[in-house]
């Protein structure tokens, strides 16, 4: 199956944690006006619930991911401008 370029650059949440090179997890991604699941591979293990960024497509509903945090979130996790 061909690469799925539409999913590259999307963020999602891990439904099943990855095991690094030992095996994939599963990610839920909002793409094409809906939500889809893909097998997710990462360089290092990532736990369930981690927000990830899809960096490549392996085809056959498999993607490569990295851990992702919103760069606009303050480092301490508090909401900006909220007292």
Protein backbone atom coordinates (compact mmCIF):
# COMPACT_ATOMS: atom_id res chain seq x y z
CA UNK A 1 0.00 0.00 0.00
CA UNK A 2 1.21 3.52 -0.77
CA UNK A 3 2.30 6.15 1.72
CA UNK A 4 -0.47 8.18 3.35
CA UNK A 5 0.87 11.74 3.08
CA UNK A 6 -2.37 13.25 4.49
CA UNK A 7 -1.52 12.03 8.00
CA UNK A 8 2.05 13.42 8.08
CA UNK A 9 2.15 16.49 10.31
CA UNK A 10 -0.99 15.52 12.21
CA UNK A 11 -1.00 15.08 15.98
CA UNK A 12 -2.80 12.38 17.89
CA UNK A 13 -2.95 10.46 21.14
CA UNK A 14 -1.52 7.03 21.79
CA UNK A 15 -4.26 4.49 22.54
CA UNK A 16 -1.59 1.83 23.09
CA UNK A 17 1.95 2.85 24.10
CA UNK A 18 4.83 2.17 21.74
CA UNK A 19 7.74 -0.13 22.61
CA UNK A 20 10.40 1.66 20.57
CA UNK A 21 12.13 -0.68 18.12
CA UNK A 22 10.53 -3.68 19.90
CA UNK A 23 7.06 -2.93 18.54
CA UNK A 24 4.39 -0.43 17.61
CA UNK A 25 1.60 1.13 19.59
CA UNK A 26 -1.65 2.54 18.26
CA UNK A 27 -2.53 6.19 17.61
CA UNK A 28 -5.85 7.97 17.10
CA UNK A 29 -5.44 10.81 14.58
CA UNK A 30 -7.94 13.45 13.42
CA UNK A 31 -7.53 13.44 9.64
CA UNK A 32 -9.76 13.77 6.56
CA UNK A 33 -12.64 15.19 8.61
CA UNK A 34 -12.78 12.26 11.01
CA UNK A 35 -10.67 10.13 13.33
CA UNK A 36 -8.61 7.15 12.21
CA UNK A 37 -6.29 4.70 13.95
CA UNK A 38 -2.82 3.73 12.79
CA UNK A 39 -0.02 1.52 14.08
CA UNK A 40 2.54 3.93 15.55
CA UNK A 41 6.30 3.34 15.61
CA UNK A 42 8.75 5.45 17.64
CA UNK A 43 12.50 5.46 18.32
CA UNK A 44 11.98 5.14 22.09
CA UNK A 45 9.06 3.70 24.07
CA UNK A 46 6.18 6.15 24.62
CA UNK A 47 3.40 5.55 27.18
CA UNK A 48 -0.34 5.35 26.66
CA UNK A 49 -1.93 8.81 26.41
CA UNK A 50 1.18 10.55 25.02
CA UNK A 51 0.44 13.27 22.47
CA UNK A 52 2.51 12.53 19.37
CA UNK A 53 3.31 14.08 15.99
CA UNK A 54 3.24 11.92 12.86
CA UNK A 55 6.57 12.43 11.08
CA UNK A 56 6.36 9.78 8.34
CA UNK A 57 4.05 7.20 6.78
CA UNK A 58 5.11 3.59 6.28
CA UNK A 59 1.99 2.79 4.23
CA UNK A 60 -0.44 0.04 5.24
CA UNK A 61 -1.84 2.28 8.05
CA UNK A 62 1.53 2.47 9.83
CA UNK A 63 3.26 5.73 10.82
CA UNK A 64 6.38 6.97 12.58
CA UNK A 65 5.78 9.32 15.53
CA UNK A 66 7.62 11.47 18.07
CA UNK A 67 6.40 12.83 21.41
CA UNK A 68 4.82 16.26 20.91
CA UNK A 69 4.02 19.18 23.17
CA UNK A 70 2.29 22.36 22.05
CA UNK A 71 5.11 24.92 21.62
CA UNK A 72 2.70 27.69 22.71
CA UNK A 73 2.05 26.08 26.11
CA UNK A 74 4.02 27.69 28.95
CA UNK A 75 6.82 25.48 30.33
CA UNK A 76 5.14 25.14 33.75
CA UNK A 77 1.90 23.85 32.19
CA UNK A 78 -0.23 26.72 33.44
CA UNK A 79 -2.59 28.53 31.09
CA UNK A 80 -1.20 31.82 29.83
CA UNK A 81 -3.11 34.88 31.02
CA UNK A 82 -5.21 32.97 33.57
CA UNK A 83 -5.04 34.00 37.21
